[in-house]
Amino acid sequence: MVPPTAYRIRFSADPVQLILFRGGLDRWLVQLDWPEAERVDVLLAVSEACCNAVRHAYAGAEPGDVEVIGRLVLGPADRRLRWTVRDHGRWRADPDGTGFGLPTVRACMERVAVRPDERGTVVTMTSRPVALIDPPPTARTVPVPRAVGGADEPVAAGVRPVLRAVPGPG
């Protein structure tokens, strides 16, 4: 099975939903064959960005949604994941700089940008590059029929070569 190249989910800004979200995200990363250490970094960074939305964006207001979009980006020699975490709540700056959320996200990702505005907050992240993997087959290869007997072998007049399918693997 070829894993999807994008991951998208919208969930209620609820701590229980956040726990369920993490399990689905981890399954997708495993399907992509993302290396273990980098997978942990992605899980931590994306989960922390979502946790910030759950804990802070809707504080004192009716809980809204958190939307997460991840995309696999293939380069000539590596692959990366680009993430967007969006909420529709209110941005709350860390007044004394003691929070661990955004520093953790920045430590786990190659690039991070935070864009708060009147419609909510968007956090965009790009993972560190990881090695390409051989792509799994997308479809079973169908063998091409070939003639029995070579082209240079004499064939009786008016008789065509007999074609037979060459058995393929499994």
C-alpha atoms as a PDB file:
ATOM      1  CA  MET A   1       0.000   0.000   0.000  1.00  0.00           C
ATOM      2  CA  VAL A   2       1.291   3.429  -0.934  1.00  0.00           C
ATOM      3  CA  PRO A   3       0.734   5.913   1.907  1.00  0.00           C
ATOM      4  CA  PRO A   4      -0.962   9.202   1.109  1.00  0.00           C
ATOM      5  CA  THR A   5       1.400  12.131   0.588  1.00  0.00           C
ATOM      6  CA  ALA A   6      -0.761  14.450   2.671  1.00  0.00           C
ATOM      7  CA  TYR A   7      -2.240  14.305   6.145  1.00  0.00           C
ATOM      8  CA  ARG A   8      -5.211  16.439   7.091  1.00  0.00           C
ATOM      9  CA  ILE A   9      -7.379  16.514  10.180  1.00  0.00           C
ATOM     10  CA  ARG A  10      -9.616  18.943  11.993  1.00  0.00           C
ATOM     11  CA  PHE A  11     -10.441  18.229  15.616  1.00  0.00           C
ATOM     12  CA  SER A  12     -12.109  19.959  18.513  1.00  0.00           C
ATOM     13  CA  ALA A  13      -9.715  21.903  20.748  1.00  0.00           C
ATOM     14  CA  ASP A  14     -10.052  19.328  23.484  1.00  0.00           C
ATOM     15  CA  PRO A  15      -7.151  17.549  25.268  1.00  0.00           C
ATOM     16  CA  VAL A  16      -8.725  14.121  24.656  1.00  0.00           C
ATOM     17  CA  GLN A  17      -8.954  14.821  20.920  1.00  0.00           C
ATOM     18  CA  LEU A  18      -5.305  15.867  20.998  1.00  0.00           C
ATOM     19  CA  ILE A  19      -4.321  12.442  22.351  1.00  0.00           C
ATOM     20  CA  LEU A  20      -6.287  10.678  19.596  1.00  0.00           C
ATOM     21  CA  PHE A  21      -4.752  12.971  16.982  1.00  0.00           C
ATOM     22  CA  ARG A  22      -1.214  11.983  18.014  1.00  0.00           C
ATOM     23  CA  GLY A  23      -1.929   8.295  17.385  1.00  0.00           C
ATOM     24  CA  GLY A  24      -3.152   8.964  13.855  1.00  0.00           C
ATOM     25  CA  LEU A  25      -0.210  11.220  13.098  1.00  0.00           C
ATOM     26  CA  ASP A  26       2.255   8.583  14.300  1.00  0.00           C
ATOM     27  CA  ARG A  27       0.607   5.912  12.120  1.00  0.00           C
ATOM     28  CA  TRP A  28       0.956   8.154   9.060  1.00  0.00           C
ATOM     29  CA  LEU A  29       4.643   8.818   9.786  1.00  0.00           C
ATOM     30  CA  VAL A  30       5.254   5.076  10.170  1.00  0.00           C
ATOM     31  CA  GLN A  31       3.553   4.482   6.796  1.00  0.00           C
ATOM     32  CA  LEU A  32       5.950   7.019   5.271  1.00  0.00           C
ATOM     33  CA  ASP A  33       8.850   5.050   6.756  1.00  0.00           C
ATOM     34  CA  TRP A  34      10.023   8.230   8.508  1.00  0.00           C
ATOM     35  CA  PRO A  35      13.222   7.506  10.501  1.00  0.00           C
ATOM     36  CA  GLU A  36      12.608   7.016  14.226  1.00  0.00           C
ATOM     37  CA  ALA A  37      14.533  10.003  15.634  1.00  0.00           C
ATOM     38  CA  GLU A  38      13.065  12.410  13.081  1.00  0.00           C
ATOM     39  CA  ARG A  39       9.606  10.907  13.574  1.00  0.00           C
ATOM     40  CA  VAL A  40       9.811  11.691  17.285  1.00  0.00           C
ATOM     41  CA  ASP A  41      10.819  15.288  16.466  1.00  0.00           C
ATOM     42  CA  VAL A  42       7.884  15.704  14.077  1.00  0.00           C
ATOM     43  CA  LEU A  43       5.445  14.182  16.567  1.00  0.00           C
ATOM     44  CA  LEU A  44       6.704  16.434  19.338  1.00  0.00           C
ATOM     45  CA  ALA A  45       6.695  19.640  17.278  1.00  0.00           C
ATOM     46  CA  VAL A  46       3.295  19.170  15.630  1.00  0.00           C
ATOM     47  CA  SER A  47       1.744  17.948  18.890  1.00  0.00           C
ATOM     48  CA  GLU A  48       3.157  20.923  20.781  1.00  0.00           C
ATOM     49  CA  ALA A  49       1.818  23.385  18.194  1.00  0.00           C
ATOM     50  CA  CYS A  50      -1.598  21.712  18.520  1.00  0.00           C
ATOM     51  CA  CYS A  51      -1.342  21.686  22.309  1.00  0.00           C
ATOM     52  CA  ASN A  52      -0.723  25.442  22.276  1.00  0.00           C
ATOM     53  CA  ALA A  53      -3.898  25.899  20.233  1.00  0.00           C
ATOM     54  CA  VAL A  54      -5.896  23.637  22.566  1.00  0.00           C
ATOM     55  CA  ARG A  55      -4.604  25.290  25.753  1.00  0.00           C
ATOM     56  CA  HIS A  56      -4.332  28.944  24.761  1.00  0.00           C
ATOM     57  CA  ALA A  57      -6.268  29.904  21.621  1.00  0.00           C
ATOM     58  CA  TYR A  58      -9.717  29.412  23.058  1.00  0.00           C
ATOM     59  CA  ALA A  59      -8.995  30.176  26.749  1.00  0.00           C
ATOM     60  CA  GLY A  60     -12.036  31.872  28.259  1.00  0.00           C
ATOM     61  CA  ALA A  61     -14.055  31.359  25.079  1.00  0.00           C
ATOM     62  CA  GLU A  62     -16.089  28.628  23.429  1.00  0.00           C
ATOM     63  CA  PRO A  63     -13.665  25.917  22.208  1.00  0.00           C
ATOM     64  CA  GLY A  64     -13.163  25.867  18.467  1.00  0.00           C
ATOM     65  CA  ASP A  65     -11.273  23.623  16.106  1.00  0.00           C
ATOM     66  CA  VAL A  66      -7.632  22.933  15.373  1.00  0.00           C
ATOM     67  CA  GLU A  67      -6.757  22.122  11.772  1.00  0.00           C
ATOM     68  CA  VAL A  68      -3.569  20.253  10.870  1.00  0.00           C
ATOM     69  CA  ILE A  69      -2.237  19.777   7.355  1.00  0.00           C
ATOM     70  CA  GLY A  70       0.981  17.912   6.585  1.00  0.00           C
ATOM     71  CA  ARG A  71       2.477  17.399   3.149  1.00  0.00           C
ATOM     72  CA  LEU A  72       5.316  15.188   2.002  1.00  0.00           C
ATOM     73  CA  VAL A  73       7.763  17.165  -0.133  1.00  0.00           C
ATOM     74  CA  LEU A  74      10.206  15.172  -2.248  1.00  0.00           C
ATOM     75  CA  GLY A  75      13.468  16.786  -3.282  1.00  0.00           C
ATOM     76  CA  PRO A  76      16.127  15.404  -5.601  1.00  0.00           C
ATOM     77  CA  ALA A  77      18.119  13.916  -2.709  1.00  0.00           C
ATOM     78  CA  ASP A  78      15.830  14.048   0.339  1.00  0.00           C
ATOM     79  CA  ARG A  79      12.292  14.422   1.614  1.00  0.00           C
ATOM     80  CA  ARG A  80      10.693  16.743   4.146  1.00  0.00           C
ATOM     81  CA  LEU A  81       7.348  17.365   5.748  1.00  0.00           C
ATOM     82  CA  ARG A  82       5.645  20.760   5.655  1.00  0.00           C
ATOM     83  CA  TRP A  83       3.060  21.385   8.348  1.00  0.00           C
ATOM     84  CA  THR A  84       0.366  23.938   8.989  1.00  0.00           C
ATOM     85  CA  VAL A  85      -1.429  24.098  12.340  1.00  0.00           C
ATOM     86  CA  ARG A  86      -4.308  26.580  12.397  1.00  0.00           C
ATOM     87  CA  ASP A  87      -6.734  27.724  15.052  1.00  0.00           C
ATOM     88  CA  HIS A  88      -9.431  30.388  14.992  1.00  0.00           C
ATOM     89  CA  GLY A  89      -8.893  31.623  18.521  1.00  0.00           C
ATOM     90  CA  ARG A  90      -6.931  34.474  20.014  1.00  0.00           C
ATOM     91  CA  TRP A  91      -3.124  34.726  20.063  1.00  0.00           C
ATOM     92  CA  ARG A  92      -1.636  34.965  23.536  1.00  0.00           C
ATOM     93  CA  ALA A  93       2.013  35.911  23.697  1.00  0.00           C
ATOM     94  CA  ASP A  94       4.152  34.391  26.435  1.00  0.00           C
ATOM     95  CA  PRO A  95       4.663  37.546  28.540  1.00  0.00           C
ATOM     96  CA  ASP A  96       7.626  36.335  30.589  1.00  0.00           C
ATOM     97  CA  GLY A  97       9.168  33.954  28.041  1.00  0.00           C
ATOM     98  CA  THR A  98       8.916  30.925  30.318  1.00  0.00           C
ATOM     99  CA  GLY A  99       6.824  28.740  28.015  1.00  0.00           C
ATOM    100  CA  PHE A 100       8.337  25.611  26.510  1.00  0.00           C
ATOM    101  CA  GLY A 101       5.956  25.219  23.555  1.00  0.00           C
ATOM    102  CA  LEU A 102       7.451  27.303  20.762  1.00  0.00           C
ATOM    103  CA  PRO A 103      11.087  26.755  21.806  1.00  0.00           C
ATOM    104  CA  THR A 104      10.379  23.008  21.651  1.00  0.00           C
ATOM    105  CA  VAL A 105       8.777  23.324  18.218  1.00  0.00           C
ATOM    106  CA  ARG A 106      11.755  25.340  16.949  1.00  0.00           C
ATOM    107  CA  ALA A 107      14.242  22.824  18.351  1.00  0.00           C
ATOM    108  CA  CYS A 108      12.518  19.953  16.525  1.00  0.00           C
ATOM    109  CA  MET A 109      12.013  21.554  13.112  1.00  0.00           C
ATOM    110  CA  GLU A 110      14.229  23.146  10.505  1.00  0.00           C
ATOM    111  CA  ARG A 111      11.913  26.133   9.963  1.00  0.00           C
ATOM    112  CA  VAL A 112       9.044  27.540  12.016  1.00  0.00           C
ATOM    113  CA  ALA A 113       6.874  30.607  11.464  1.00  0.00           C
ATOM    114  CA  VAL A 114       4.034  31.840  13.664  1.00  0.00           C
ATOM    115  CA  ARG A 115       1.470  34.197  12.159  1.00  0.00           C
ATOM    116  CA  PRO A 116      -1.231  35.497  14.496  1.00  0.00           C
ATOM    117  CA  ASP A 117      -4.004  37.696  13.116  1.00  0.00           C
ATOM    118  CA  GLU A 118      -7.647  38.565  13.801  1.00  0.00           C
ATOM    119  CA  ARG A 119      -8.791  35.182  12.389  1.00  0.00           C
ATOM    120  CA  GLY A 120      -6.559  33.079  14.645  1.00  0.00           C
ATOM    121  CA  THR A 121      -3.028  31.743  14.548  1.00  0.00           C
ATOM    122  CA  VAL A 122      -1.202  29.777  11.862  1.00  0.00           C
ATOM    123  CA  VAL A 123       1.989  27.903  12.688  1.00  0.00           C
ATOM    124  CA  THR A 124       3.942  26.620   9.681  1.00  0.00           C
ATOM    125  CA  MET A 125       6.803  24.180  10.114  1.00  0.00           C
ATOM    126  CA  THR A 126       9.233  22.339   7.874  1.00  0.00           C
ATOM    127  CA  SER A 127      10.972  19.216   9.115  1.00  0.00           C
ATOM    128  CA  ARG A 128      14.638  18.546   8.748  1.00  0.00           C
ATOM    129  CA  PRO A 129      15.421  16.587   5.569  1.00  0.00           C
ATOM    130  CA  VAL A 130      15.575  12.802   5.665  1.00  0.00           C
ATOM    131  CA  ALA A 131      16.861  10.359   3.080  1.00  0.00           C
ATOM    132  CA  LEU A 132      14.715   9.280   0.171  1.00  0.00           C
ATOM    133  CA  ILE A 133      13.525   5.698   0.168  1.00  0.00           C
ATOM    134  CA  ASP A 134      12.938   3.419  -2.770  1.00  0.00           C
ATOM    135  CA  PRO A 135       9.306   3.972  -3.679  1.00  0.00           C
ATOM    136  CA  PRO A 136       7.099   0.954  -3.183  1.00  0.00           C
ATOM    137  CA  PRO A 137       5.540  -0.419  -6.349  1.00  0.00           C
ATOM    138  CA  THR A 138       2.295   1.354  -7.157  1.00  0.00           C
ATOM    139  CA  ALA A 139       0.970  -1.430  -9.349  1.00  0.00           C
ATOM    140  CA  ARG A 140       1.958  -4.984 -10.118  1.00  0.00           C
ATOM    141  CA  THR A 141       4.159  -5.204 -13.172  1.00  0.00           C
ATOM    142  CA  VAL A 142       2.408  -7.081 -15.948  1.00  0.00           C
ATOM    143  CA  PRO A 143       4.749  -9.176 -18.084  1.00  0.00           C
ATOM    144  CA  VAL A 144       4.875  -8.394 -21.782  1.00  0.00           C
ATOM    145  CA  PRO A 145       4.100 -11.417 -23.970  1.00  0.00           C
ATOM    146  CA  ARG A 146       6.979 -12.602 -26.096  1.00  0.00           C
ATOM    147  CA  ALA A 147       7.149 -14.829 -29.101  1.00  0.00           C
ATOM    148  CA  VAL A 148       8.167 -18.463 -28.811  1.00  0.00           C
ATOM    149  CA  GLY A 149      11.096 -18.830 -31.120  1.00  0.00           C
ATOM    150  CA  GLY A 150      13.423 -16.043 -32.108  1.00  0.00           C
ATOM    151  CA  ALA A 151      12.915 -13.651 -34.992  1.00  0.00           C
ATOM    152  CA  ASP A 152      15.799 -15.243 -36.854  1.00  0.00           C
ATOM    153  CA  GLU A 153      14.284 -18.738 -36.688  1.00  0.00           C
ATOM    154  CA  PRO A 154      12.495 -19.811 -39.838  1.00  0.00           C
ATOM    155  CA  VAL A 155       8.699 -19.727 -39.591  1.00  0.00           C
ATOM    156  CA  ALA A 156       6.541 -21.739 -41.989  1.00  0.00           C
ATOM    157  CA  ALA A 157       4.813 -19.597 -44.609  1.00  0.00           C
ATOM    158  CA  GLY A 158       1.604 -18.129 -43.290  1.00  0.00           C
ATOM    159  CA  VAL A 159       2.188 -19.329 -39.714  1.00  0.00           C
ATOM    160  CA  ARG A 160       2.513 -16.669 -37.071  1.00  0.00           C
ATOM    161  CA  PRO A 161       4.702 -17.089 -34.014  1.00  0.00           C
ATOM    162  CA  VAL A 162       2.782 -18.306 -30.966  1.00  0.00           C
ATOM    163  CA  LEU A 163       2.708 -15.816 -28.140  1.00  0.00           C
ATOM    164  CA  ARG A 164       2.695 -16.896 -24.540  1.00  0.00           C
ATOM    165  CA  ALA A 165       2.713 -14.887 -21.364  1.00  0.00           C
ATOM    166  CA  VAL A 166       5.856 -15.133 -19.330  1.00  0.00           C
ATOM    167  CA  PRO A 167       4.887 -15.819 -15.726  1.00  0.00           C
ATOM    168  CA  GLY A 168       5.672 -12.848 -13.501  1.00  0.00           C
ATOM    169  CA  PRO A 169       6.735 -12.770  -9.897  1.00  0.00           C
ATOM    170  CA  GLY A 170       4.229 -13.913  -7.249  1.00  0.00           C
END
